[in-house]
Amino acid sequence: MAKDGGEARKVSSDEDAWSLVEDWLKDRELGDVEFNNWPVLGIKINGDDYHASLNSGQMAALLDLKMVLGRTYSLLAHGAYDMRRLRDEEYESLQFTTKVKKGSSILETDFTPVVQAMAGAINAYPGFSVAAAAIIGLTFVARPLIAKHFENRAAQLQAEDRHRLIDLALNPQEKVRYRTFEQGVKKLERQQPQFEQVLPDARQSFWHFASASVDAEKVNLAGLELAQDDLEILAEKRTKRPTDTHEVKGVFRVASVKKNGLLFKVGLESKSLVINVVYRKPQLTDARIKRLMTCMANERLIDAKLNVKTVEQAQMSGRLMSFTVVAEEDVS
């Protein structure tokens, strides 16, 4: 509700935020604004090691985003891009939540309380804080802006790496949106020059998250899907190393069997190879995993078929495709 008792303008989606920024660029009165469950950054991570969990690098990237938000609030409220200016109660108002859905790595990070606090920051320019809050929200959750974060990173890569990267080009409507965003940022920077530090810091946080996700099969950030090859290319400037997957058959001792979410990691040893492999559906069944555990406990050997991934002839990872228990009389 607005301060005068009327209805506040609600921002509940990217479209609402774009409309607010367009009005601000036209010098229209924004009035009181309420951010309603927006912005929320949706992330989906697919990979063997991702089951309602994040790795430390990804958590650090989310903390980077929190620091960007804190410094931006300080800029709006105190005129300095420095979190040390924040009072205790201001710092507490800038907390956001990340929910990881059970049984998967689908994350929802809700920045609504933060942008609402930003919009309420007292500033010398009418509408400045509200517009800045909307622009920051779009920076964190709008697909065309996230694509631009990674396009900016791609410009720093070697040419042959860029050619292998996902097409980050914007469609015509997204190009119009991005021009609106650029105009909004320029207007913010004219009124508060230190705002020019915000976008590079936000981009760095997204690069950090991508770099920390190279062990995932793919990551979807607000609708922008990055495959493992894209993540590896974005994570480093050197040329991507050639990979090869080949089949390995042999007799192995089962050294370990450990549950990891919906799959198992199995340690296997033979005379020529020691490897940890993933065992998952459709090959994985309750009966087969019990058989593996029995082999480990009784030191029985298995005749196994593996798919092994190598990079520059160095073994990186493997998957157990099938096995049979070696009969006692076959063991020499």
C-alpha atoms as a PDB file:
ATOM      1  CA  MET A   1       0.000   0.000   0.000  1.00  0.00           C
ATOM      2  CA  ALA A   2       1.230   3.511  -0.817  1.00  0.00           C
ATOM      3  CA  LYS A   3       2.174   5.970   1.908  1.00  0.00           C
ATOM      4  CA  ASP A   4      -0.894   8.104   1.109  1.00  0.00           C
ATOM      5  CA  GLY A   5      -3.223   5.135   1.624  1.00  0.00           C
ATOM      6  CA  GLY A   6      -3.682   4.387  -2.081  1.00  0.00           C
ATOM      7  CA  GLU A   7      -2.483   1.367  -4.002  1.00  0.00           C
ATOM      8  CA  ALA A   8       1.268   1.071  -4.530  1.00  0.00           C
ATOM      9  CA  ARG A   9       2.579   0.155  -7.960  1.00  0.00           C
ATOM     10  CA  LYS A  10       3.399  -3.561  -7.891  1.00  0.00           C
ATOM     11  CA  VAL A  11       6.420  -5.094  -9.582  1.00  0.00           C
ATOM     12  CA  SER A  12       5.795  -8.832  -9.798  1.00  0.00           C
ATOM     13  CA  SER A  13       7.651  -9.812 -12.974  1.00  0.00           C
ATOM     14  CA  ASP A  14      10.414  -8.870 -15.392  1.00  0.00           C
ATOM     15  CA  GLU A  15       7.780  -7.180 -17.578  1.00  0.00           C
ATOM     16  CA  ASP A  16       6.649  -4.980 -14.685  1.00  0.00           C
ATOM     17  CA  ALA A  17      10.254  -4.012 -14.008  1.00  0.00           C
ATOM     18  CA  TRP A  18      10.945  -3.157 -17.663  1.00  0.00           C
ATOM     19  CA  SER A  19       7.799  -1.010 -17.716  1.00  0.00           C
ATOM     20  CA  LEU A  20       8.956   0.838 -14.571  1.00  0.00           C
ATOM     21  CA  VAL A  21      12.397   1.534 -16.055  1.00  0.00           C
ATOM     22  CA  GLU A  22      10.829   2.792 -19.302  1.00  0.00           C
ATOM     23  CA  ASP A  23       8.595   5.174 -17.351  1.00  0.00           C
ATOM     24  CA  TRP A  24      11.582   6.452 -15.375  1.00  0.00           C
ATOM     25  CA  LEU A  25      13.528   7.087 -18.586  1.00  0.00           C
ATOM     26  CA  LYS A  26      10.571   9.187 -19.772  1.00  0.00           C
ATOM     27  CA  ASP A  27      10.693  11.148 -16.475  1.00  0.00           C
ATOM     28  CA  ARG A  28       7.279   9.904 -15.404  1.00  0.00           C
ATOM     29  CA  GLU A  29       6.311   9.868 -11.726  1.00  0.00           C
ATOM     30  CA  LEU A  30       6.872   6.381 -10.298  1.00  0.00           C
ATOM     31  CA  GLY A  31       5.107   6.874  -6.964  1.00  0.00           C
ATOM     32  CA  ASP A  32       5.281   4.221  -4.255  1.00  0.00           C
ATOM     33  CA  VAL A  33       6.421   0.834  -5.514  1.00  0.00           C
ATOM     34  CA  GLU A  34       6.029  -2.608  -3.953  1.00  0.00           C
ATOM     35  CA  PHE A  35       8.176  -5.493  -5.141  1.00  0.00           C
ATOM     36  CA  ASN A  36       5.976  -8.584  -4.958  1.00  0.00           C
ATOM     37  CA  ASN A  37       7.924 -11.890  -5.114  1.00  0.00           C
ATOM     38  CA  TRP A  38      10.295 -10.359  -7.636  1.00  0.00           C
ATOM     39  CA  PRO A  39      13.147 -10.642  -8.441  1.00  0.00           C
ATOM     40  CA  VAL A  40      13.665 -14.399  -7.988  1.00  0.00           C
ATOM     41  CA  LEU A  41      16.616 -16.067  -9.717  1.00  0.00           C
ATOM     42  CA  GLY A  42      15.883 -19.622 -10.804  1.00  0.00           C
ATOM     43  CA  ILE A  43      18.826 -21.988 -11.288  1.00  0.00           C
ATOM     44  CA  LYS A  44      18.693 -25.659 -12.262  1.00  0.00           C
ATOM     45  CA  ILE A  45      21.857 -27.766 -12.090  1.00  0.00           C
ATOM     46  CA  ASN A  46      22.082 -31.231 -13.628  1.00  0.00           C
ATOM     47  CA  GLY A  47      24.905 -33.599 -12.692  1.00  0.00           C
ATOM     48  CA  ASP A  48      25.780 -36.722 -10.766  1.00  0.00           C
ATOM     49  CA  ASP A  49      26.928 -34.785  -7.700  1.00  0.00           C
ATOM     50  CA  TYR A  50      23.956 -32.410  -7.546  1.00  0.00           C
ATOM     51  CA  HIS A  51      21.093 -33.570  -5.358  1.00  0.00           C
ATOM     52  CA  ALA A  52      19.680 -30.733  -3.237  1.00  0.00           C
ATOM     53  CA  SER A  53      23.197 -29.388  -2.808  1.00  0.00           C
ATOM     54  CA  LEU A  54      25.695 -26.756  -3.926  1.00  0.00           C
ATOM     55  CA  ASN A  55      29.460 -26.891  -3.932  1.00  0.00           C
ATOM     56  CA  SER A  56      31.546 -24.366  -1.999  1.00  0.00           C
ATOM     57  CA  GLY A  57      32.418 -22.345  -5.108  1.00  0.00           C
ATOM     58  CA  GLN A  58      28.765 -21.883  -6.037  1.00  0.00           C
ATOM     59  CA  MET A  59      27.936 -20.828  -2.488  1.00  0.00           C
ATOM     60  CA  ALA A  60      30.794 -18.319  -2.623  1.00  0.00           C
ATOM     61  CA  ALA A  61      29.371 -16.901  -5.880  1.00  0.00           C
ATOM     62  CA  LEU A  62      26.005 -16.337  -4.190  1.00  0.00           C
ATOM     63  CA  LEU A  63      27.825 -14.567  -1.371  1.00  0.00           C
ATOM     64  CA  ASP A  64      29.494 -12.394  -4.031  1.00  0.00           C
ATOM     65  CA  LEU A  65      26.019 -11.382  -5.197  1.00  0.00           C
ATOM     66  CA  LYS A  66      25.125 -10.496  -1.627  1.00  0.00           C
ATOM     67  CA  MET A  67      28.179  -8.250  -1.405  1.00  0.00           C
ATOM     68  CA  VAL A  68      27.205  -6.491  -4.656  1.00  0.00           C
ATOM     69  CA  LEU A  69      23.721  -5.878  -3.278  1.00  0.00           C
ATOM     70  CA  GLY A  70      25.097  -4.601   0.019  1.00  0.00           C
ATOM     71  CA  ARG A  71      27.486  -2.173  -1.651  1.00  0.00           C
ATOM     72  CA  THR A  72      24.729  -0.975  -3.994  1.00  0.00           C
ATOM     73  CA  TYR A  73      22.400  -0.280  -1.079  1.00  0.00           C
ATOM     74  CA  SER A  74      25.184   1.644   0.641  1.00  0.00           C
ATOM     75  CA  LEU A  75      25.648   3.678  -2.544  1.00  0.00           C
ATOM     76  CA  LEU A  76      21.940   4.564  -2.636  1.00  0.00           C
ATOM     77  CA  ALA A  77      21.592   5.307   1.075  1.00  0.00           C
ATOM     78  CA  HIS A  78      25.004   6.748   1.952  1.00  0.00           C
ATOM     79  CA  GLY A  79      26.576   7.789  -1.350  1.00  0.00           C
ATOM     80  CA  ALA A  80      29.477   5.325  -1.129  1.00  0.00           C
ATOM     81  CA  TYR A  81      29.882   1.906  -2.762  1.00  0.00           C
ATOM     82  CA  ASP A  82      31.147   0.447   0.500  1.00  0.00           C
ATOM     83  CA  MET A  83      29.369  -1.984   2.847  1.00  0.00           C
ATOM     84  CA  ARG A  84      31.240  -0.588   5.828  1.00  0.00           C
ATOM     85  CA  ARG A  85      28.825   2.347   5.731  1.00  0.00           C
ATOM     86  CA  LEU A  86      25.855   0.098   6.544  1.00  0.00           C
ATOM     87  CA  ARG A  87      24.236   0.193   9.965  1.00  0.00           C
ATOM     88  CA  ASP A  88      23.386  -3.117  11.645  1.00  0.00           C
ATOM     89  CA  GLU A  89      19.673  -2.809  10.889  1.00  0.00           C
ATOM     90  CA  GLU A  90      20.420  -1.983   7.252  1.00  0.00           C
ATOM     91  CA  TYR A  91      22.637  -5.034   6.920  1.00  0.00           C
ATOM     92  CA  GLU A  92      19.883  -7.227   8.368  1.00  0.00           C
ATOM     93  CA  SER A  93      17.363  -5.857   5.861  1.00  0.00           C
ATOM     94  CA  LEU A  94      19.557  -7.038   2.984  1.00  0.00           C
ATOM     95  CA  GLN A  95      19.280 -10.765   3.695  1.00  0.00           C
ATOM     96  CA  PHE A  96      17.927 -12.963   0.924  1.00  0.00           C
ATOM     97  CA  THR A  97      17.040 -16.645   0.857  1.00  0.00           C
ATOM     98  CA  THR A  98      18.085 -19.476  -1.437  1.00  0.00           C
ATOM     99  CA  LYS A  99      15.839 -22.537  -1.457  1.00  0.00           C
ATOM    100  CA  VAL A 100      17.090 -25.845  -2.873  1.00  0.00           C
ATOM    101  CA  LYS A 101      14.249 -28.177  -3.760  1.00  0.00           C
ATOM    102  CA  LYS A 102      14.411 -31.664  -2.287  1.00  0.00           C
ATOM    103  CA  GLY A 103      15.741 -34.413  -4.555  1.00  0.00           C
ATOM    104  CA  SER A 104      17.299 -32.097  -7.129  1.00  0.00           C
ATOM    105  CA  SER A 105      19.468 -29.033  -7.488  1.00  0.00           C
ATOM    106  CA  ILE A 106      16.758 -26.576  -8.452  1.00  0.00           C
ATOM    107  CA  LEU A 107      17.445 -23.309  -6.666  1.00  0.00           C
ATOM    108  CA  GLU A 108      15.309 -20.243  -6.150  1.00  0.00           C
ATOM    109  CA  THR A 109      17.063 -17.178  -4.780  1.00  0.00           C
ATOM    110  CA  ASP A 110      14.580 -14.516  -3.700  1.00  0.00           C
ATOM    111  CA  PHE A 111      16.019 -10.984  -3.813  1.00  0.00           C
ATOM    112  CA  THR A 112      12.657  -9.309  -3.098  1.00  0.00           C
ATOM    113  CA  PRO A 113      13.519  -8.034   0.433  1.00  0.00           C
ATOM    114  CA  VAL A 114      16.768  -6.566  -0.837  1.00  0.00           C
ATOM    115  CA  VAL A 115      15.347  -4.605  -3.762  1.00  0.00           C
ATOM    116  CA  GLN A 116      12.463  -3.418  -1.572  1.00  0.00           C
ATOM    117  CA  ALA A 117      15.013  -2.074   0.911  1.00  0.00           C
ATOM    118  CA  MET A 118      16.915  -0.418  -1.946  1.00  0.00           C
ATOM    119  CA  ALA A 119      13.753   1.217  -3.278  1.00  0.00           C
ATOM    120  CA  GLY A 120      13.144   2.721   0.166  1.00  0.00           C
ATOM    121  CA  ALA A 121      16.606   4.236   0.454  1.00  0.00           C
ATOM    122  CA  ILE A 122      16.412   8.011   0.762  1.00  0.00           C
ATOM    123  CA  ASN A 123      18.135   9.731  -2.156  1.00  0.00           C
ATOM    124  CA  ALA A 124      18.409  13.258  -3.495  1.00  0.00           C
ATOM    125  CA  TYR A 125      17.000  12.300  -6.907  1.00  0.00           C
ATOM    126  CA  PRO A 126      13.238  11.513  -7.202  1.00  0.00           C
ATOM    127  CA  GLY A 127      12.667   7.927  -8.311  1.00  0.00           C
ATOM    128  CA  PHE A 128      16.394   7.161  -8.375  1.00  0.00           C
ATOM    129  CA  SER A 129      16.359   4.457  -5.685  1.00  0.00           C
ATOM    130  CA  VAL A 130      13.249   2.757  -7.092  1.00  0.00           C
ATOM    131  CA  ALA A 131      14.678   2.723 -10.624  1.00  0.00           C
ATOM    132  CA  ALA A 132      18.028   1.497  -9.345  1.00  0.00           C
ATOM    133  CA  ALA A 133      16.311  -1.340  -7.451  1.00  0.00           C
ATOM    134  CA  ALA A 134      14.450  -2.414 -10.613  1.00  0.00           C
ATOM    135  CA  ILE A 135      17.609  -2.241 -12.731  1.00  0.00           C
ATOM    136  CA  ILE A 136      19.576  -4.269 -10.178  1.00  0.00           C
ATOM    137  CA  GLY A 137      16.770  -6.825 -10.067  1.00  0.00           C
ATOM    138  CA  LEU A 138      16.849  -7.176 -13.854  1.00  0.00           C
ATOM    139  CA  THR A 139      20.641  -7.491 -13.757  1.00  0.00           C
ATOM    140  CA  PHE A 140      20.269 -10.571 -11.552  1.00  0.00           C
ATOM    141  CA  VAL A 141      17.265 -12.359 -13.105  1.00  0.00           C
ATOM    142  CA  ALA A 142      16.494 -11.208 -16.666  1.00  0.00           C
ATOM    143  CA  ARG A 143      17.637 -13.664 -19.332  1.00  0.00           C
ATOM    144  CA  PRO A 144      18.947 -11.075 -21.865  1.00  0.00           C
ATOM    145  CA  LEU A 145      21.116  -9.475 -19.189  1.00  0.00           C
ATOM    146  CA  ILE A 146      22.492 -12.807 -17.954  1.00  0.00           C
ATOM    147  CA  ALA A 147      23.282 -13.712 -21.586  1.00  0.00           C
ATOM    148  CA  LYS A 148      25.148 -10.398 -21.862  1.00  0.00           C
ATOM    149  CA  HIS A 149      27.119 -11.173 -18.689  1.00  0.00           C
ATOM    150  CA  PHE A 150      28.497 -14.280 -20.390  1.00  0.00           C
ATOM    151  CA  GLU A 151      28.860 -12.633 -23.802  1.00  0.00           C
ATOM    152  CA  ASN A 152      31.100 -10.074 -22.125  1.00  0.00           C
ATOM    153  CA  ARG A 153      33.133 -12.945 -20.670  1.00  0.00           C
ATOM    154  CA  ALA A 154      33.282 -14.669 -24.074  1.00  0.00           C
ATOM    155  CA  ALA A 155      34.864 -11.556 -25.594  1.00  0.00           C
ATOM    156  CA  GLN A 156      37.912 -12.235 -23.407  1.00  0.00           C
ATOM    157  CA  LEU A 157      38.383 -15.782 -24.706  1.00  0.00           C
ATOM    158  CA  GLN A 158      40.518 -17.090 -27.523  1.00  0.00           C
ATOM    159  CA  ALA A 159      38.765 -17.047 -30.912  1.00  0.00           C
ATOM    160  CA  GLU A 160      38.561 -20.831 -31.273  1.00  0.00           C
ATOM    161  CA  ASP A 161      36.977 -21.089 -27.815  1.00  0.00           C
ATOM    162  CA  ARG A 162      34.370 -18.455 -28.694  1.00  0.00           C
ATOM    163  CA  HIS A 163      33.375 -20.443 -31.776  1.00  0.00           C
ATOM    164  CA  ARG A 164      32.589 -23.486 -29.642  1.00  0.00           C
ATOM    165  CA  LEU A 165      30.516 -21.524 -27.141  1.00  0.00           C
ATOM    166  CA  ILE A 166      26.715 -21.478 -27.059  1.00  0.00           C
ATOM    167  CA  ASP A 167      25.147 -18.755 -29.215  1.00  0.00           C
ATOM    168  CA  LEU A 168      24.632 -15.892 -26.777  1.00  0.00           C
ATOM    169  CA  ALA A 169      23.089 -13.548 -29.344  1.00  0.00           C
ATOM    170  CA  LEU A 170      19.903 -11.781 -28.266  1.00  0.00           C
ATOM    171  CA  ASN A 171      16.669 -11.973 -30.240  1.00  0.00           C
ATOM    172  CA  PRO A 172      15.137  -8.686 -31.510  1.00  0.00           C
ATOM    173  CA  GLN A 173      12.921  -8.160 -28.454  1.00  0.00           C
ATOM    174  CA  GLU A 174      15.829  -8.873 -26.088  1.00  0.00           C
ATOM    175  CA  LYS A 175      17.970  -6.352 -27.984  1.00  0.00           C
ATOM    176  CA  VAL A 176      15.324  -3.691 -27.395  1.00  0.00           C
ATOM    177  CA  ARG A 177      15.256  -4.616 -23.702  1.00  0.00           C
ATOM    178  CA  TYR A 178      19.043  -4.427 -23.463  1.00  0.00           C
ATOM    179  CA  ARG A 179      19.088  -0.950 -25.050  1.00  0.00           C
ATOM    180  CA  THR A 180      16.554   0.144 -22.418  1.00  0.00           C
ATOM    181  CA  PHE A 181      18.815  -1.327 -19.743  1.00  0.00           C
ATOM    182  CA  GLU A 182      21.869   0.530 -21.099  1.00  0.00           C
ATOM    183  CA  GLN A 183      19.956   3.802 -21.130  1.00  0.00           C
ATOM    184  CA  GLY A 184      18.841   3.215 -17.545  1.00  0.00           C
ATOM    185  CA  VAL A 185      22.364   2.447 -16.366  1.00  0.00           C
ATOM    186  CA  LYS A 186      23.747   5.559 -18.082  1.00  0.00           C
ATOM    187  CA  LYS A 187      21.122   7.717 -16.388  1.00  0.00           C
ATOM    188  CA  LEU A 188      21.989   6.177 -13.000  1.00  0.00           C
ATOM    189  CA  GLU A 189      25.686   6.801 -13.618  1.00  0.00           C
ATOM    190  CA  ARG A 190      25.079  10.443 -14.551  1.00  0.00           C
ATOM    191  CA  GLN A 191      23.334  10.992 -11.231  1.00  0.00           C
ATOM    192  CA  GLN A 192      25.656   8.746  -9.212  1.00  0.00           C
ATOM    193  CA  PRO A 193      28.993   8.005 -10.999  1.00  0.00           C
ATOM    194  CA  GLN A 194      29.950   5.212  -8.575  1.00  0.00           C
ATOM    195  CA  PHE A 195      27.102   3.133 -10.024  1.00  0.00           C
ATOM    196  CA  GLU A 196      29.458   2.191 -12.864  1.00  0.00           C
ATOM    197  CA  GLN A 197      31.089  -0.302 -10.475  1.00  0.00           C
ATOM    198  CA  VAL A 198      27.896  -2.317  -9.955  1.00  0.00           C
ATOM    199  CA  LEU A 199      27.505  -4.066 -13.322  1.00  0.00           C
ATOM    200  CA  PRO A 200      31.108  -5.351 -13.581  1.00  0.00           C
ATOM    201  CA  ASP A 201      30.862  -6.749 -10.042  1.00  0.00           C
ATOM    202  CA  ALA A 202      27.547  -8.464 -10.801  1.00  0.00           C
ATOM    203  CA  ARG A 203      29.004  -9.983 -13.973  1.00  0.00           C
ATOM    204  CA  GLN A 204      31.993 -11.261 -12.036  1.00  0.00           C
ATOM    205  CA  SER A 205      29.649 -13.080  -9.646  1.00  0.00           C
ATOM    206  CA  PHE A 206      27.920 -14.868 -12.526  1.00  0.00           C
ATOM    207  CA  TRP A 207      31.299 -15.822 -14.051  1.00  0.00           C
ATOM    208  CA  HIS A 208      32.320 -17.161 -10.650  1.00  0.00           C
ATOM    209  CA  PHE A 209      29.179 -19.300 -10.480  1.00  0.00           C
ATOM    210  CA  ALA A 210      29.813 -20.717 -13.972  1.00  0.00           C
ATOM    211  CA  SER A 211      33.457 -21.473 -13.121  1.00  0.00           C
ATOM    212  CA  ALA A 212      32.361 -23.319  -9.980  1.00  0.00           C
ATOM    213  CA  SER A 213      29.867 -25.396 -11.998  1.00  0.00           C
ATOM    214  CA  VAL A 214      32.223 -27.074 -14.472  1.00  0.00           C
ATOM    215  CA  ASP A 215      31.528 -30.493 -12.922  1.00  0.00           C
ATOM    216  CA  ALA A 216      27.829 -30.210 -13.798  1.00  0.00           C
ATOM    217  CA  GLU A 217      26.323 -31.673 -16.952  1.00  0.00           C
ATOM    218  CA  LYS A 218      24.423 -28.435 -17.560  1.00  0.00           C
ATOM    219  CA  VAL A 219      23.228 -25.334 -15.729  1.00  0.00           C
ATOM    220  CA  ASN A 220      20.112 -23.303 -16.481  1.00  0.00           C
ATOM    221  CA  LEU A 221      20.252 -19.709 -15.248  1.00  0.00           C
ATOM    222  CA  ALA A 222      16.944 -17.862 -15.636  1.00  0.00           C
ATOM    223  CA  GLY A 223      16.255 -19.718 -18.894  1.00  0.00           C
ATOM    224  CA  LEU A 224      19.797 -19.498 -20.275  1.00  0.00           C
ATOM    225  CA  GLU A 225      21.106 -23.058 -20.556  1.00  0.00           C
ATOM    226  CA  LEU A 226      24.857 -23.706 -20.428  1.00  0.00           C
ATOM    227  CA  ALA A 227      26.135 -27.196 -21.245  1.00  0.00           C
ATOM    228  CA  GLN A 228      29.269 -28.613 -19.629  1.00  0.00           C
ATOM    229  CA  ASP A 229      31.383 -27.587 -22.627  1.00  0.00           C
ATOM    230  CA  ASP A 230      30.118 -23.998 -22.310  1.00  0.00           C
ATOM    231  CA  LEU A 231      30.897 -23.962 -18.580  1.00  0.00           C
ATOM    232  CA  GLU A 232      34.440 -25.242 -19.172  1.00  0.00           C
ATOM    233  CA  ILE A 233      35.071 -22.651 -21.888  1.00  0.00           C
ATOM    234  CA  LEU A 234      33.718 -19.775 -19.774  1.00  0.00           C
ATOM    235  CA  ALA A 235      35.754 -20.919 -16.776  1.00  0.00           C
ATOM    236  CA  GLU A 236      39.181 -20.551 -18.366  1.00  0.00           C
ATOM    237  CA  LYS A 237      40.945 -18.710 -21.172  1.00  0.00           C
ATOM    238  CA  ARG A 238      43.060 -21.611 -22.421  1.00  0.00           C
ATOM    239  CA  THR A 239      41.871 -23.813 -25.252  1.00  0.00           C
ATOM    240  CA  LYS A 240      39.501 -26.552 -24.200  1.00  0.00           C
ATOM    241  CA  ARG A 241      41.317 -29.856 -23.897  1.00  0.00           C
ATOM    242  CA  PRO A 242      40.178 -32.748 -26.102  1.00  0.00           C
ATOM    243  CA  THR A 243      38.154 -35.410 -24.290  1.00  0.00           C
ATOM    244  CA  ASP A 244      37.588 -39.039 -25.113  1.00  0.00           C
ATOM    245  CA  THR A 245      35.219 -41.660 -23.729  1.00  0.00           C
ATOM    246  CA  HIS A 246      36.063 -45.324 -24.158  1.00  0.00           C
ATOM    247  CA  GLU A 247      34.971 -48.691 -22.842  1.00  0.00           C
ATOM    248  CA  VAL A 248      37.077 -50.602 -20.327  1.00  0.00           C
ATOM    249  CA  LYS A 249      36.478 -54.256 -19.408  1.00  0.00           C
ATOM    250  CA  GLY A 250      38.255 -56.148 -16.649  1.00  0.00           C
ATOM    251  CA  VAL A 251      38.180 -58.006 -13.374  1.00  0.00           C
ATOM    252  CA  PHE A 252      38.058 -55.689 -10.352  1.00  0.00           C
ATOM    253  CA  ARG A 253      38.034 -55.764  -6.575  1.00  0.00           C
ATOM    254  CA  VAL A 254      35.252 -53.651  -5.050  1.00  0.00           C
ATOM    255  CA  ALA A 255      37.117 -51.316  -2.705  1.00  0.00           C
ATOM    256  CA  SER A 256      34.225 -49.053  -1.670  1.00  0.00           C
ATOM    257  CA  VAL A 257      30.522 -48.409  -2.221  1.00  0.00           C
ATOM    258  CA  LYS A 258      29.171 -45.008  -1.128  1.00  0.00           C
ATOM    259  CA  LYS A 259      25.693 -43.567  -1.593  1.00  0.00           C
ATOM    260  CA  ASN A 260      25.609 -40.043  -3.045  1.00  0.00           C
ATOM    261  CA  GLY A 261      22.078 -38.757  -3.470  1.00  0.00           C
ATOM    262  CA  LEU A 262      20.267 -40.896  -6.039  1.00  0.00           C
ATOM    263  CA  LEU A 263      23.424 -42.677  -7.189  1.00  0.00           C
ATOM    264  CA  PHE A 264      26.380 -44.598  -5.793  1.00  0.00           C
ATOM    265  CA  LYS A 265      30.113 -44.049  -6.142  1.00  0.00           C
ATOM    266  CA  VAL A 266      32.022 -47.300  -6.405  1.00  0.00           C
ATOM    267  CA  GLY A 267      35.754 -47.680  -5.900  1.00  0.00           C
ATOM    268  CA  LEU A 268      37.249 -50.370  -8.167  1.00  0.00           C
ATOM    269  CA  GLU A 269      40.775 -51.764  -8.287  1.00  0.00           C
ATOM    270  CA  SER A 270      42.501 -54.103 -10.752  1.00  0.00           C
ATOM    271  CA  LYS A 271      46.131 -54.880 -11.517  1.00  0.00           C
ATOM    272  CA  SER A 272      46.269 -52.030 -14.032  1.00  0.00           C
ATOM    273  CA  LEU A 273      43.603 -49.547 -12.916  1.00  0.00           C
ATOM    274  CA  VAL A 274      42.306 -47.853  -9.768  1.00  0.00           C
ATOM    275  CA  ILE A 275      39.189 -45.772 -10.370  1.00  0.00           C
ATOM    276  CA  ASN A 276      36.087 -44.350  -8.701  1.00  0.00           C
ATOM    277  CA  VAL A 277      33.042 -44.804 -10.928  1.00  0.00           C
ATOM    278  CA  VAL A 278      29.445 -43.637 -10.803  1.00  0.00           C
ATOM    279  CA  TYR A 279      26.689 -46.260 -10.657  1.00  0.00           C
ATOM    280  CA  ARG A 280      23.222 -44.923 -11.425  1.00  0.00           C
ATOM    281  CA  LYS A 281      19.923 -45.727 -13.099  1.00  0.00           C
ATOM    282  CA  PRO A 282      18.974 -47.400 -15.383  1.00  0.00           C
ATOM    283  CA  GLN A 283      21.836 -49.798 -14.581  1.00  0.00           C
ATOM    284  CA  LEU A 284      21.411 -49.309 -10.835  1.00  0.00           C
ATOM    285  CA  THR A 285      18.847 -51.491  -9.013  1.00  0.00           C
ATOM    286  CA  ASP A 286      18.461 -52.368  -5.337  1.00  0.00           C
ATOM    287  CA  ALA A 287      19.419 -55.990  -6.020  1.00  0.00           C
ATOM    288  CA  ARG A 288      22.567 -55.052  -7.932  1.00  0.00           C
ATOM    289  CA  ILE A 289      23.807 -52.593  -5.319  1.00  0.00           C
ATOM    290  CA  LYS A 290      23.303 -55.234  -2.607  1.00  0.00           C
ATOM    291  CA  ARG A 291      25.335 -57.634  -4.738  1.00  0.00           C
ATOM    292  CA  LEU A 292      28.139 -55.067  -5.024  1.00  0.00           C
ATOM    293  CA  MET A 293      28.156 -54.510  -1.256  1.00  0.00           C
ATOM    294  CA  THR A 294      28.298 -58.261  -0.671  1.00  0.00           C
ATOM    295  CA  CYS A 295      31.268 -58.509  -3.028  1.00  0.00           C
ATOM    296  CA  MET A 296      33.023 -55.725  -1.131  1.00  0.00           C
ATOM    297  CA  ALA A 297      32.347 -57.359   2.260  1.00  0.00           C
ATOM    298  CA  ASN A 298      33.389 -60.848   1.114  1.00  0.00           C
ATOM    299  CA  GLU A 299      36.254 -59.675  -1.103  1.00  0.00           C
ATOM    300  CA  ARG A 300      34.681 -61.228  -4.190  1.00  0.00           C
ATOM    301  CA  LEU A 301      35.822 -60.033  -7.613  1.00  0.00           C
ATOM    302  CA  ILE A 302      33.551 -58.699 -10.341  1.00  0.00           C
ATOM    303  CA  ASP A 303      33.871 -58.777 -14.116  1.00  0.00           C
ATOM    304  CA  ALA A 304      32.846 -55.221 -15.054  1.00  0.00           C
ATOM    305  CA  LYS A 305      32.290 -53.010 -18.070  1.00  0.00           C
ATOM    306  CA  LEU A 306      33.054 -49.285 -17.564  1.00  0.00           C
ATOM    307  CA  ASN A 307      32.749 -46.122 -19.618  1.00  0.00           C
ATOM    308  CA  VAL A 308      35.830 -44.031 -18.807  1.00  0.00           C
ATOM    309  CA  LYS A 309      36.318 -40.368 -19.749  1.00  0.00           C
ATOM    310  CA  THR A 310      39.868 -39.138 -20.346  1.00  0.00           C
ATOM    311  CA  VAL A 311      41.294 -35.677 -21.013  1.00  0.00           C
ATOM    312  CA  GLU A 312      44.673 -35.536 -22.750  1.00  0.00           C
ATOM    313  CA  GLN A 313      45.046 -39.235 -21.939  1.00  0.00           C
ATOM    314  CA  ALA A 314      44.547 -38.568 -18.233  1.00  0.00           C
ATOM    315  CA  GLN A 315      41.696 -40.490 -16.613  1.00  0.00           C
ATOM    316  CA  MET A 316      38.994 -38.125 -15.319  1.00  0.00           C
ATOM    317  CA  SER A 317      35.823 -40.063 -14.516  1.00  0.00           C
ATOM    318  CA  GLY A 318      34.006 -43.320 -15.128  1.00  0.00           C
ATOM    319  CA  ARG A 319      30.625 -44.989 -15.032  1.00  0.00           C
ATOM    320  CA  LEU A 320      29.829 -48.599 -14.186  1.00  0.00           C
ATOM    321  CA  MET A 321      27.689 -50.005 -16.993  1.00  0.00           C
ATOM    322  CA  SER A 322      27.402 -53.682 -16.031  1.00  0.00           C
ATOM    323  CA  PHE A 323      29.049 -56.419 -13.949  1.00  0.00           C
ATOM    324  CA  THR A 324      28.889 -60.068 -13.001  1.00  0.00           C
ATOM    325  CA  VAL A 325      30.335 -61.730  -9.918  1.00  0.00           C
ATOM    326  CA  VAL A 326      33.388 -63.858 -10.723  1.00  0.00           C
ATOM    327  CA  ALA A 327      32.844 -67.505  -9.743  1.00  0.00           C
ATOM    328  CA  GLU A 328      35.117 -68.844  -7.000  1.00  0.00           C
ATOM    329  CA  GLU A 329      36.706 -71.417  -9.316  1.00  0.00           C
ATOM    330  CA  ASP A 330      37.621 -68.679 -11.818  1.00  0.00           C
ATOM    331  CA  VAL A 331      39.751 -66.813  -9.274  1.00  0.00           C
ATOM    332  CA  SER A 332      43.390 -67.872  -9.471  1.00  0.00           C
END
